[in-house]
PDB file of all heavy atoms in Angstrom:
ATOM      1  N   SER A   1     -27.619 -30.293 -11.761  1.00  0.00           N
ATOM      2  CA  SER A   1     -26.932 -29.688 -10.638  1.00  0.00           C
ATOM      3  C   SER A   1     -25.645 -30.351 -10.309  1.00  0.00           C
ATOM      4  O   SER A   1     -24.646 -29.691 -10.005  1.00  0.00           O
ATOM      5  CB  SER A   1     -27.816 -29.779  -9.407  1.00  0.00           C
ATOM      6  OG  SER A   1     -27.300 -29.215  -8.276  1.00  0.00           O
ATOM      7  N   VAL A   2     -25.541 -31.661 -10.512  1.00  0.00           N
ATOM      8  CA  VAL A   2     -24.319 -32.353 -10.261  1.00  0.00           C
ATOM      9  C   VAL A   2     -23.201 -31.901 -11.201  1.00  0.00           C
ATOM     10  O   VAL A   2     -22.069 -31.756 -10.747  1.00  0.00           O
ATOM     11  CB  VAL A   2     -24.479 -33.914 -10.364  1.00  0.00           C
ATOM     12  CG1 VAL A   2     -23.169 -34.659 -10.291  1.00  0.00           C
ATOM     13  CG2 VAL A   2     -25.395 -34.404  -9.240  1.00  0.00           C
ATOM     14  N   THR A   3     -23.571 -31.547 -12.422  1.00  0.00           N
ATOM     15  CA  THR A   3     -22.574 -31.112 -13.404  1.00  0.00           C
ATOM     16  C   THR A   3     -22.371 -29.561 -13.333  1.00  0.00           C
ATOM     17  O   THR A   3     -21.662 -28.974 -14.234  1.00  0.00           O
ATOM     18  CB  THR A   3     -23.073 -31.525 -14.869  1.00  0.00           C
ATOM     19  OG1 THR A   3     -24.326 -30.951 -15.128  1.00  0.00           O
ATOM     20  CG2 THR A   3     -23.121 -33.052 -14.928  1.00  0.00           C
ATOM     21  N   GLY A   4     -23.038 -28.892 -12.430  1.00  0.00           N
ATOM     22  CA  GLY A   4     -22.813 -27.448 -12.233  1.00  0.00           C
ATOM     23  C   GLY A   4     -23.831 -26.477 -12.753  1.00  0.00           C
ATOM     24  O   GLY A   4     -23.651 -25.328 -12.671  1.00  0.00           O
ATOM     25  N   LEU A   5     -24.933 -27.047 -13.227  1.00  0.00           N
ATOM     26  CA  LEU A   5     -26.036 -26.137 -13.692  1.00  0.00           C
ATOM     27  C   LEU A   5     -27.168 -26.090 -12.733  1.00  0.00           C
ATOM     28  O   LEU A   5     -27.635 -27.097 -12.311  1.00  0.00           O
ATOM     29  CB  LEU A   5     -26.607 -26.672 -15.043  1.00  0.00           C
ATOM     30  CG  LEU A   5     -25.530 -26.738 -16.174  1.00  0.00           C
ATOM     31  CD1 LEU A   5     -26.173 -27.538 -17.342  1.00  0.00           C
ATOM     32  CD2 LEU A   5     -25.112 -25.342 -16.554  1.00  0.00           C
ATOM     33  N   GLY A   6     -27.570 -24.916 -12.392  1.00  0.00           N
ATOM     34  CA  GLY A   6     -28.761 -24.716 -11.460  1.00  0.00           C
ATOM     35  C   GLY A   6     -28.342 -24.948  -9.955  1.00  0.00           C
ATOM     36  O   GLY A   6     -27.238 -25.037  -9.596  1.00  0.00           O
ATOM     37  N   HIS A   7     -29.449 -25.047  -9.153  1.00  0.00           N
ATOM     38  CA  HIS A   7     -29.248 -25.067  -7.763  1.00  0.00           C
ATOM     39  C   HIS A   7     -30.080 -26.172  -7.063  1.00  0.00           C
ATOM     40  O   HIS A   7     -30.520 -26.023  -5.913  1.00  0.00           O
ATOM     41  CB  HIS A   7     -29.638 -23.747  -7.099  1.00  0.00           C
ATOM     42  CG  HIS A   7     -28.903 -22.546  -7.651  1.00  0.00           C
ATOM     43  ND1 HIS A   7     -27.493 -22.382  -7.360  1.00  0.00           N
ATOM     44  CD2 HIS A   7     -29.211 -21.639  -8.563  1.00  0.00           C
ATOM     45  CE1 HIS A   7     -27.083 -21.302  -8.005  1.00  0.00           C
ATOM     46  NE2 HIS A   7     -28.075 -20.816  -8.748  1.00  0.00           N
ATOM     47  N   HIS A   8     -30.239 -27.257  -7.804  1.00  0.00           N
ATOM     48  CA  HIS A   8     -31.020 -28.355  -7.215  1.00  0.00           C
ATOM     49  C   HIS A   8     -30.234 -28.935  -6.034  1.00  0.00           C
ATOM     50  O   HIS A   8     -29.006 -28.984  -6.074  1.00  0.00           O
ATOM     51  CB  HIS A   8     -31.191 -29.420  -8.351  1.00  0.00           C
ATOM     52  CG  HIS A   8     -32.147 -30.518  -8.002  1.00  0.00           C
ATOM     53  ND1 HIS A   8     -31.715 -31.573  -7.164  1.00  0.00           N
ATOM     54  CD2 HIS A   8     -33.449 -30.699  -8.199  1.00  0.00           C
ATOM     55  CE1 HIS A   8     -32.762 -32.359  -7.015  1.00  0.00           C
ATOM     56  NE2 HIS A   8     -33.863 -31.906  -7.640  1.00  0.00           N
ATOM     57  N   PRO A   9     -30.820 -29.301  -5.014  1.00  0.00           N
ATOM     58  CA  PRO A   9     -30.131 -29.816  -3.743  1.00  0.00           C
ATOM     59  C   PRO A   9     -29.515 -31.141  -3.928  1.00  0.00           C
ATOM     60  O   PRO A   9     -28.770 -31.683  -3.056  1.00  0.00           O
ATOM     61  CB  PRO A   9     -31.205 -29.936  -2.728  1.00  0.00           C
ATOM     62  CG  PRO A   9     -32.490 -30.011  -3.433  1.00  0.00           C
ATOM     63  CD  PRO A   9     -32.368 -29.373  -4.699  1.00  0.00           C
ATOM     64  N   ARG A  10     -29.597 -31.809  -5.120  1.00  0.00           N
ATOM     65  CA  ARG A  10     -28.977 -33.124  -5.433  1.00  0.00           C
ATOM     66  C   ARG A  10     -29.510 -34.266  -4.505  1.00  0.00           C
ATOM     67  O   ARG A  10     -28.766 -35.117  -4.186  1.00  0.00           O
ATOM     68  CB  ARG A  10     -27.481 -33.058  -5.328  1.00  0.00           C
ATOM     69  CG  ARG A  10     -26.808 -32.014  -6.275  1.00  0.00           C
ATOM     70  CD  ARG A  10     -25.348 -31.941  -6.110  1.00  0.00           C
ATOM     71  NE  ARG A  10     -24.859 -30.859  -6.928  1.00  0.00           N
ATOM     72  CZ  ARG A  10     -23.593 -30.502  -6.855  1.00  0.00           C
ATOM     73  NH1 ARG A  10     -22.736 -31.130  -6.123  1.00  0.00           N
ATOM     74  NH2 ARG A  10     -23.191 -29.461  -7.563  1.00  0.00           N
ATOM     75  N   PHE A  11     -30.699 -34.071  -4.113  1.00  0.00           N
ATOM     76  CA  PHE A  11     -31.367 -35.119  -3.254  1.00  0.00           C
ATOM     77  C   PHE A  11     -32.781 -35.238  -3.698  1.00  0.00           C
ATOM     78  O   PHE A  11     -33.495 -34.232  -3.779  1.00  0.00           O
ATOM     79  CB  PHE A  11     -31.302 -34.578  -1.779  1.00  0.00           C
ATOM     80  CG  PHE A  11     -31.992 -35.545  -0.813  1.00  0.00           C
ATOM     81  CD1 PHE A  11     -31.391 -36.648  -0.327  1.00  0.00           C
ATOM     82  CD2 PHE A  11     -33.308 -35.206  -0.377  1.00  0.00           C
ATOM     83  CE1 PHE A  11     -32.024 -37.417   0.574  1.00  0.00           C
ATOM     84  CE2 PHE A  11     -33.931 -36.047   0.491  1.00  0.00           C
ATOM     85  CZ  PHE A  11     -33.278 -37.147   1.016  1.00  0.00           C
ATOM     86  N   VAL A  12     -33.163 -36.471  -4.161  1.00  0.00           N
ATOM     87  CA  VAL A  12     -34.523 -36.649  -4.650  1.00  0.00           C
ATOM     88  C   VAL A  12     -35.121 -37.900  -3.966  1.00  0.00           C
ATOM     89  O   VAL A  12     -34.477 -38.903  -3.825  1.00  0.00           O
ATOM     90  CB  VAL A  12     -34.520 -36.958  -6.183  1.00  0.00           C
ATOM     91  CG1 VAL A  12     -35.882 -37.303  -6.696  1.00  0.00           C
ATOM     92  CG2 VAL A  12     -34.039 -35.686  -6.861  1.00  0.00           C
ATOM     93  N   ILE A  13     -36.348 -37.741  -3.530  1.00  0.00           N
ATOM     94  CA  ILE A  13     -37.101 -38.913  -2.976  1.00  0.00           C
ATOM     95  C   ILE A  13     -38.316 -39.074  -3.859  1.00  0.00           C
ATOM     96  O   ILE A  13     -39.108 -38.177  -4.016  1.00  0.00           O
ATOM     97  CB  ILE A  13     -37.580 -38.719  -1.492  1.00  0.00           C
ATOM     98  CG1 ILE A  13     -36.350 -38.507  -0.560  1.00  0.00           C
ATOM     99  CG2 ILE A  13     -38.413 -39.877  -1.048  1.00  0.00           C
ATOM    100  CD1 ILE A  13     -36.811 -38.313   0.879  1.00  0.00           C
ATOM    101  N   HIS A  14     -38.481 -40.211  -4.435  1.00  0.00           N
ATOM    102  CA  HIS A  14     -39.698 -40.612  -5.139  1.00  0.00           C
ATOM    103  C   HIS A  14     -40.378 -41.653  -4.297  1.00  0.00           C
ATOM    104  O   HIS A  14     -39.963 -42.759  -4.161  1.00  0.00           O
ATOM    105  CB  HIS A  14     -39.348 -41.170  -6.511  1.00  0.00           C
ATOM    106  CG  HIS A  14     -39.011 -40.117  -7.555  1.00  0.00           C
ATOM    107  ND1 HIS A  14     -38.108 -40.316  -8.573  1.00  0.00           N
ATOM    108  CD2 HIS A  14     -39.388 -38.890  -7.600  1.00  0.00           C
ATOM    109  CE1 HIS A  14     -38.029 -39.226  -9.296  1.00  0.00           C
ATOM    110  NE2 HIS A  14     -38.760 -38.325  -8.744  1.00  0.00           N
ATOM    111  N   ASP A  15     -41.440 -41.221  -3.709  1.00  0.00           N
ATOM    112  CA  ASP A  15     -42.235 -42.062  -2.862  1.00  0.00           C
ATOM    113  C   ASP A  15     -43.361 -42.678  -3.646  1.00  0.00           C
ATOM    114  O   ASP A  15     -44.199 -41.928  -4.165  1.00  0.00           O
ATOM    115  CB  ASP A  15     -42.807 -41.299  -1.653  1.00  0.00           C
ATOM    116  CG  ASP A  15     -43.476 -42.145  -0.598  1.00  0.00           C
ATOM    117  OD1 ASP A  15     -43.234 -43.398  -0.649  1.00  0.00           O
ATOM    118  OD2 ASP A  15     -44.311 -41.666   0.162  1.00  0.00           O
ATOM    119  N   SER A  16     -43.397 -43.927  -3.766  1.00  0.00           N
ATOM    120  CA  SER A  16     -44.350 -44.646  -4.614  1.00  0.00           C
ATOM    121  C   SER A  16     -45.284 -45.470  -3.798  1.00  0.00           C
ATOM    122  O   SER A  16     -44.911 -46.512  -3.315  1.00  0.00           O
ATOM    123  CB  SER A  16     -43.600 -45.621  -5.553  1.00  0.00           C
ATOM    124  OG  SER A  16     -44.526 -46.238  -6.408  1.00  0.00           O
ATOM    125  N   PRO A  17     -46.478 -44.918  -3.535  1.00  0.00           N
ATOM    126  CA  PRO A  17     -47.453 -45.733  -2.802  1.00  0.00           C
ATOM    127  C   PRO A  17     -47.741 -46.996  -3.346  1.00  0.00           C
ATOM    128  O   PRO A  17     -47.639 -47.167  -4.561  1.00  0.00           O
ATOM    129  CB  PRO A  17     -48.724 -44.877  -2.716  1.00  0.00           C
ATOM    130  CG  PRO A  17     -48.303 -43.535  -3.289  1.00  0.00           C
ATOM    131  CD  PRO A  17     -47.005 -43.726  -4.042  1.00  0.00           C
ATOM    132  N   ARG A  18     -48.035 -47.994  -2.564  1.00  0.00           N
ATOM    133  CA  ARG A  18     -48.196 -49.336  -3.103  1.00  0.00           C
ATOM    134  C   ARG A  18     -49.204 -49.404  -4.262  1.00  0.00           C
ATOM    135  O   ARG A  18     -49.019 -50.050  -5.245  1.00  0.00           O
ATOM    136  CB  ARG A  18     -48.796 -50.237  -1.985  1.00  0.00           C
ATOM    137  CG  ARG A  18     -48.921 -51.726  -2.427  1.00  0.00           C
ATOM    138  CD  ARG A  18     -49.449 -52.576  -1.172  1.00  0.00           C
ATOM    139  NE  ARG A  18     -49.414 -53.886  -1.559  1.00  0.00           N
ATOM    140  CZ  ARG A  18     -48.708 -54.831  -1.039  1.00  0.00           C
ATOM    141  NH1 ARG A  18     -47.922 -54.627  -0.054  1.00  0.00           N
ATOM    142  NH2 ARG A  18     -48.742 -56.065  -1.513  1.00  0.00           N
ATOM    143  N   SER A  19     -50.253 -48.666  -4.160  1.00  0.00           N
ATOM    144  CA  SER A  19     -51.256 -48.717  -5.239  1.00  0.00           C
ATOM    145  C   SER A  19     -50.803 -48.037  -6.466  1.00  0.00           C
ATOM    146  O   SER A  19     -51.415 -48.199  -7.590  1.00  0.00           O
ATOM    147  CB  SER A  19     -52.547 -47.962  -4.781  1.00  0.00           C
ATOM    148  OG  SER A  19     -52.318 -46.657  -4.501  1.00  0.00           O
ATOM    149  N   SER A  20     -49.644 -47.266  -6.482  1.00  0.00           N
ATOM    150  CA  SER A  20     -49.181 -46.572  -7.635  1.00  0.00           C
ATOM    151  C   SER A  20     -47.796 -47.015  -8.083  1.00  0.00           C
ATOM    152  O   SER A  20     -47.061 -46.247  -8.655  1.00  0.00           O
ATOM    153  CB  SER A  20     -49.219 -45.028  -7.425  1.00  0.00           C
ATOM    154  OG  SER A  20     -50.437 -44.623  -7.083  1.00  0.00           O
ATOM    155  N   ASP A  21     -47.373 -48.242  -7.637  1.00  0.00           N
ATOM    156  CA  ASP A  21     -46.064 -48.688  -8.021  1.00  0.00           C
ATOM    157  C   ASP A  21     -45.821 -48.590  -9.553  1.00  0.00           C
ATOM    158  O   ASP A  21     -46.690 -48.797 -10.304  1.00  0.00           O
ATOM    159  CB  ASP A  21     -45.838 -50.087  -7.591  1.00  0.00           C
ATOM    160  CG  ASP A  21     -45.124 -50.202  -6.209  1.00  0.00           C
ATOM    161  OD1 ASP A  21     -44.740 -49.137  -5.713  1.00  0.00           O
ATOM    162  OD2 ASP A  21     -44.936 -51.279  -5.691  1.00  0.00           O
ATOM    163  N   ILE A  22     -44.568 -48.277  -9.827  1.00  0.00           N
ATOM    164  CA  ILE A  22     -44.159 -48.256 -11.231  1.00  0.00           C
ATOM    165  C   ILE A  22     -44.087 -49.673 -11.815  1.00  0.00           C
ATOM    166  O   ILE A  22     -43.724 -50.587 -11.092  1.00  0.00           O
ATOM    167  CB  ILE A  22     -42.820 -47.588 -11.305  1.00  0.00           C
ATOM    168  CG1 ILE A  22     -42.802 -46.159 -10.778  1.00  0.00           C
ATOM    169  CG2 ILE A  22     -42.228 -47.502 -12.727  1.00  0.00           C
ATOM    170  CD1 ILE A  22     -41.387 -45.547 -10.611  1.00  0.00           C
ATOM    171  N   GLU A  23     -44.467 -49.822 -13.094  1.00  0.00           N
ATOM    172  CA  GLU A  23     -44.330 -51.112 -13.632  1.00  0.00           C
ATOM    173  C   GLU A  23     -42.836 -51.595 -13.529  1.00  0.00           C
ATOM    174  O   GLU A  23     -41.925 -50.866 -13.769  1.00  0.00           O
ATOM    175  CB  GLU A  23     -44.797 -51.171 -15.069  1.00  0.00           C
ATOM    176  CG  GLU A  23     -46.279 -51.002 -15.138  1.00  0.00           C
ATOM    177  CD  GLU A  23     -46.789 -51.171 -16.578  1.00  0.00           C
ATOM    178  OE1 GLU A  23     -46.199 -51.835 -17.410  1.00  0.00           O
ATOM    179  OE2 GLU A  23     -47.874 -50.627 -16.854  1.00  0.00           O
ATOM    180  N   GLU A  24     -42.630 -52.861 -13.293  1.00  0.00           N
ATOM    181  CA  GLU A  24     -41.272 -53.431 -13.102  1.00  0.00           C
ATOM    182  C   GLU A  24     -40.249 -53.071 -14.080  1.00  0.00           C
ATOM    183  O   GLU A  24     -39.148 -52.556 -13.852  1.00  0.00           O
ATOM    184  CB  GLU A  24     -41.352 -54.908 -12.751  1.00  0.00           C
ATOM    185  CG  GLU A  24     -40.076 -55.431 -12.172  1.00  0.00           C
ATOM    186  CD  GLU A  24     -40.201 -56.841 -11.688  1.00  0.00           C
ATOM    187  OE1 GLU A  24     -41.021 -57.068 -10.785  1.00  0.00           O
ATOM    188  OE2 GLU A  24     -39.490 -57.759 -12.164  1.00  0.00           O
ATOM    189  N   PRO A  25     -40.570 -53.352 -15.379  1.00  0.00           N
ATOM    190  CA  PRO A  25     -39.470 -52.962 -16.466  1.00  0.00           C
ATOM    191  C   PRO A  25     -39.047 -51.574 -16.410  1.00  0.00           C
ATOM    192  O   PRO A  25     -37.876 -51.211 -16.518  1.00  0.00           O
ATOM    193  CB  PRO A  25     -40.144 -53.393 -17.770  1.00  0.00           C
ATOM    194  CG  PRO A  25     -41.200 -54.381 -17.414  1.00  0.00           C
ATOM    195  CD  PRO A  25     -41.713 -53.944 -16.024  1.00  0.00           C
ATOM    196  N   LEU A  26     -40.081 -50.628 -16.282  1.00  0.00           N
ATOM    197  CA  LEU A  26     -39.759 -49.196 -16.180  1.00  0.00           C
ATOM    198  C   LEU A  26     -38.974 -48.870 -14.917  1.00  0.00           C
ATOM    199  O   LEU A  26     -37.963 -48.131 -14.973  1.00  0.00           O
ATOM    200  CB  LEU A  26     -40.959 -48.385 -16.307  1.00  0.00           C
ATOM    201  CG  LEU A  26     -40.842 -46.901 -16.275  1.00  0.00           C
ATOM    202  CD1 LEU A  26     -39.968 -46.398 -17.410  1.00  0.00           C
ATOM    203  CD2 LEU A  26     -42.214 -46.187 -16.358  1.00  0.00           C
ATOM    204  N   PHE A  27     -39.420 -49.407 -13.857  1.00  0.00           N
ATOM    205  CA  PHE A  27     -38.751 -49.152 -12.503  1.00  0.00           C
ATOM    206  C   PHE A  27     -37.329 -49.668 -12.604  1.00  0.00           C
ATOM    207  O   PHE A  27     -36.424 -48.975 -12.222  1.00  0.00           O
ATOM    208  CB  PHE A  27     -39.532 -49.902 -11.484  1.00  0.00           C
ATOM    209  CG  PHE A  27     -38.978 -49.991 -10.179  1.00  0.00           C
ATOM    210  CD1 PHE A  27     -38.913 -48.860  -9.292  1.00  0.00           C
ATOM    211  CD2 PHE A  27     -38.335 -51.139  -9.616  1.00  0.00           C
ATOM    212  CE1 PHE A  27     -38.333 -48.934  -8.070  1.00  0.00           C
ATOM    213  CE2 PHE A  27     -37.869 -51.169  -8.390  1.00  0.00           C
ATOM    214  CZ  PHE A  27     -37.842 -50.028  -7.654  1.00  0.00           C
ATOM    215  N   HIS A  28     -37.024 -50.863 -13.108  1.00  0.00           N
ATOM    216  CA  HIS A  28     -35.718 -51.383 -13.182  1.00  0.00           C
ATOM    217  C   HIS A  28     -34.842 -50.512 -14.139  1.00  0.00           C
ATOM    218  O   HIS A  28     -33.698 -50.282 -13.775  1.00  0.00           O
ATOM    219  CB  HIS A  28     -35.804 -52.827 -13.680  1.00  0.00           C
ATOM    220  CG  HIS A  28     -36.150 -53.815 -12.614  1.00  0.00           C
ATOM    221  ND1 HIS A  28     -36.226 -55.162 -12.770  1.00  0.00           N
ATOM    222  CD2 HIS A  28     -36.702 -53.582 -11.384  1.00  0.00           C
ATOM    223  CE1 HIS A  28     -36.663 -55.761 -11.616  1.00  0.00           C
ATOM    224  NE2 HIS A  28     -36.940 -54.810 -10.788  1.00  0.00           N
ATOM    225  N   GLN A  29     -35.385 -50.082 -15.221  1.00  0.00           N
ATOM    226  CA  GLN A  29     -34.584 -49.276 -16.152  1.00  0.00           C
ATOM    227  C   GLN A  29     -34.210 -47.941 -15.464  1.00  0.00           C
ATOM    228  O   GLN A  29     -33.147 -47.412 -15.618  1.00  0.00           O
ATOM    229  CB  GLN A  29     -35.298 -49.044 -17.436  1.00  0.00           C
ATOM    230  CG  GLN A  29     -34.483 -48.321 -18.458  1.00  0.00           C
ATOM    231  CD  GLN A  29     -33.218 -49.046 -18.800  1.00  0.00           C
ATOM    232  OE1 GLN A  29     -33.106 -50.309 -18.720  1.00  0.00           O
ATOM    233  NE2 GLN A  29     -32.203 -48.340 -19.189  1.00  0.00           N
ATOM    234  N   LEU A  30     -35.170 -47.390 -14.692  1.00  0.00           N
ATOM    235  CA  LEU A  30     -34.887 -46.111 -13.988  1.00  0.00           C
ATOM    236  C   LEU A  30     -33.788 -46.277 -13.038  1.00  0.00           C
ATOM    237  O   LEU A  30     -32.844 -45.482 -12.951  1.00  0.00           O
ATOM    238  CB  LEU A  30     -36.118 -45.670 -13.188  1.00  0.00           C
ATOM    239  CG  LEU A  30     -36.213 -44.432 -12.482  1.00  0.00           C
ATOM    240  CD1 LEU A  30     -35.902 -43.282 -13.348  1.00  0.00           C
ATOM    241  CD2 LEU A  30     -37.528 -44.267 -11.701  1.00  0.00           C
ATOM    242  N   PHE A  31     -33.715 -47.374 -12.285  1.00  0.00           N
ATOM    243  CA  PHE A  31     -32.608 -47.645 -11.374  1.00  0.00           C
ATOM    244  C   PHE A  31     -31.268 -47.815 -12.136  1.00  0.00           C
ATOM    245  O   PHE A  31     -30.226 -47.288 -11.766  1.00  0.00           O
ATOM    246  CB  PHE A  31     -32.871 -48.983 -10.630  1.00  0.00           C
ATOM    247  CG  PHE A  31     -33.247 -48.793  -9.235  1.00  0.00           C
ATOM    248  CD1 PHE A  31     -34.541 -48.824  -8.825  1.00  0.00           C
ATOM    249  CD2 PHE A  31     -32.254 -48.601  -8.247  1.00  0.00           C
ATOM    250  CE1 PHE A  31     -34.925 -48.676  -7.482  1.00  0.00           C
ATOM    251  CE2 PHE A  31     -32.574 -48.438  -6.900  1.00  0.00           C
ATOM    252  CZ  PHE A  31     -33.992 -48.499  -6.596  1.00  0.00           C
ATOM    253  N   ARG A  32     -31.357 -48.488 -13.286  1.00  0.00           N
ATOM    254  CA  ARG A  32     -30.074 -48.660 -14.109  1.00  0.00           C
ATOM    255  C   ARG A  32     -29.570 -47.365 -14.537  1.00  0.00           C
ATOM    256  O   ARG A  32     -28.317 -47.161 -14.644  1.00  0.00           O
ATOM    257  CB  ARG A  32     -30.357 -49.637 -15.233  1.00  0.00           C
ATOM    258  CG  ARG A  32     -30.593 -51.065 -14.748  1.00  0.00           C
ATOM    259  CD  ARG A  32     -30.800 -51.992 -15.920  1.00  0.00           C
ATOM    260  NE  ARG A  32     -31.104 -53.369 -15.422  1.00  0.00           N
ATOM    261  CZ  ARG A  32     -32.210 -53.881 -15.493  1.00  0.00           C
ATOM    262  NH1 ARG A  32     -33.370 -53.276 -16.042  1.00  0.00           N
ATOM    263  NH2 ARG A  32     -32.465 -55.110 -14.991  1.00  0.00           N
ATOM    264  N   VAL A  33     -30.378 -46.437 -15.044  1.00  0.00           N
ATOM    265  CA  VAL A  33     -29.984 -45.118 -15.548  1.00  0.00           C
ATOM    266  C   VAL A  33     -29.285 -44.367 -14.480  1.00  0.00           C
ATOM    267  O   VAL A  33     -28.181 -43.817 -14.593  1.00  0.00           O
ATOM    268  CB  VAL A  33     -31.144 -44.337 -16.108  1.00  0.00           C
ATOM    269  CG1 VAL A  33     -30.837 -42.860 -16.385  1.00  0.00           C
ATOM    270  CG2 VAL A  33     -31.584 -45.013 -17.421  1.00  0.00           C
ATOM    271  N   VAL A  34     -29.989 -44.270 -13.320  1.00  0.00           N
ATOM    272  CA  VAL A  34     -29.439 -43.450 -12.185  1.00  0.00           C
ATOM    273  C   VAL A  34     -28.051 -44.100 -11.730  1.00  0.00           C
ATOM    274  O   VAL A  34     -27.091 -43.455 -11.450  1.00  0.00           O
ATOM    275  CB  VAL A  34     -30.450 -43.328 -11.082  1.00  0.00           C
ATOM    276  CG1 VAL A  34     -29.761 -42.640  -9.846  1.00  0.00           C
ATOM    277  CG2 VAL A  34     -31.582 -42.457 -11.534  1.00  0.00           C
ATOM    278  N   ARG A  35     -27.954 -45.454 -11.688  1.00  0.00           N
ATOM    279  CA  ARG A  35     -26.807 -46.123 -11.299  1.00  0.00           C
ATOM    280  C   ARG A  35     -25.669 -45.793 -12.299  1.00  0.00           C
ATOM    281  O   ARG A  35     -24.537 -45.646 -11.899  1.00  0.00           O
ATOM    282  CB  ARG A  35     -27.019 -47.647 -11.300  1.00  0.00           C
ATOM    283  CG  ARG A  35     -25.802 -48.459 -11.133  1.00  0.00           C
ATOM    284  CD  ARG A  35     -25.146 -48.275  -9.728  1.00  0.00           C
ATOM    285  NE  ARG A  35     -24.161 -49.241  -9.498  1.00  0.00           N
ATOM    286  CZ  ARG A  35     -22.990 -49.009  -8.978  1.00  0.00           C
ATOM    287  NH1 ARG A  35     -22.667 -47.807  -8.637  1.00  0.00           N
ATOM    288  NH2 ARG A  35     -22.113 -49.955  -8.830  1.00  0.00           N
ATOM    289  N   SER A  36     -26.003 -45.737 -13.538  1.00  0.00           N
ATOM    290  CA  SER A  36     -24.902 -45.468 -14.571  1.00  0.00           C
ATOM    291  C   SER A  36     -24.363 -44.109 -14.345  1.00  0.00           C
ATOM    292  O   SER A  36     -23.235 -43.863 -14.775  1.00  0.00           O
ATOM    293  CB  SER A  36     -25.555 -45.576 -16.079  1.00  0.00           C
ATOM    294  OG  SER A  36     -26.402 -44.495 -16.256  1.00  0.00           O
ATOM    295  N   TRP A  37     -25.158 -43.142 -13.842  1.00  0.00           N
ATOM    296  CA  TRP A  37     -24.581 -41.813 -13.553  1.00  0.00           C
ATOM    297  C   TRP A  37     -23.466 -41.782 -12.583  1.00  0.00           C
ATOM    298  O   TRP A  37     -22.471 -41.053 -12.715  1.00  0.00           O
ATOM    299  CB  TRP A  37     -25.623 -40.882 -13.021  1.00  0.00           C
ATOM    300  CG  TRP A  37     -26.743 -40.503 -14.089  1.00  0.00           C
ATOM    301  CD1 TRP A  37     -26.629 -40.734 -15.390  1.00  0.00           C
ATOM    302  CD2 TRP A  37     -27.979 -39.951 -13.815  1.00  0.00           C
ATOM    303  NE1 TRP A  37     -27.769 -40.325 -16.039  1.00  0.00           N
ATOM    304  CE2 TRP A  37     -28.605 -39.790 -15.048  1.00  0.00           C
ATOM    305  CE3 TRP A  37     -28.594 -39.481 -12.648  1.00  0.00           C
ATOM    306  CZ2 TRP A  37     -29.878 -39.217 -15.174  1.00  0.00           C
ATOM    307  CZ3 TRP A  37     -29.824 -38.929 -12.757  1.00  0.00           C
ATOM    308  CH2 TRP A  37     -30.451 -38.817 -14.018  1.00  0.00           C
ATOM    309  N   GLU A  38     -23.428 -42.703 -11.673  1.00  0.00           N
ATOM    310  CA  GLU A  38     -22.331 -42.855 -10.686  1.00  0.00           C
ATOM    311  C   GLU A  38     -21.011 -43.110 -11.435  1.00  0.00           C
ATOM    312  O   GLU A  38     -19.946 -42.693 -10.970  1.00  0.00           O
ATOM    313  CB  GLU A  38     -22.590 -43.930  -9.633  1.00  0.00           C
ATOM    314  CG  GLU A  38     -23.696 -43.540  -8.706  1.00  0.00           C
ATOM    315  CD  GLU A  38     -23.861 -44.614  -7.616  1.00  0.00           C
ATOM    316  OE1 GLU A  38     -23.518 -45.764  -7.823  1.00  0.00           O
ATOM    317  OE2 GLU A  38     -24.434 -44.275  -6.577  1.00  0.00           O
ATOM    318  N   GLY A  39     -21.045 -43.831 -12.541  1.00  0.00           N
ATOM    319  CA  GLY A  39     -19.863 -44.084 -13.272  1.00  0.00           C
ATOM    320  C   GLY A  39     -19.260 -42.857 -13.965  1.00  0.00           C
ATOM    321  O   GLY A  39     -18.094 -43.011 -14.409  1.00  0.00           O
TER     322      GLY A  39
END
């Protein structure tokens, strides 16, 4: 959507309940990927 394809609202909330937290290495990589998009 950010690049002009589709109609996604460009807003995502991933709510991770305490019992279902993502494993730290995967969680950290996810943050890094999304952060890289800002560049």
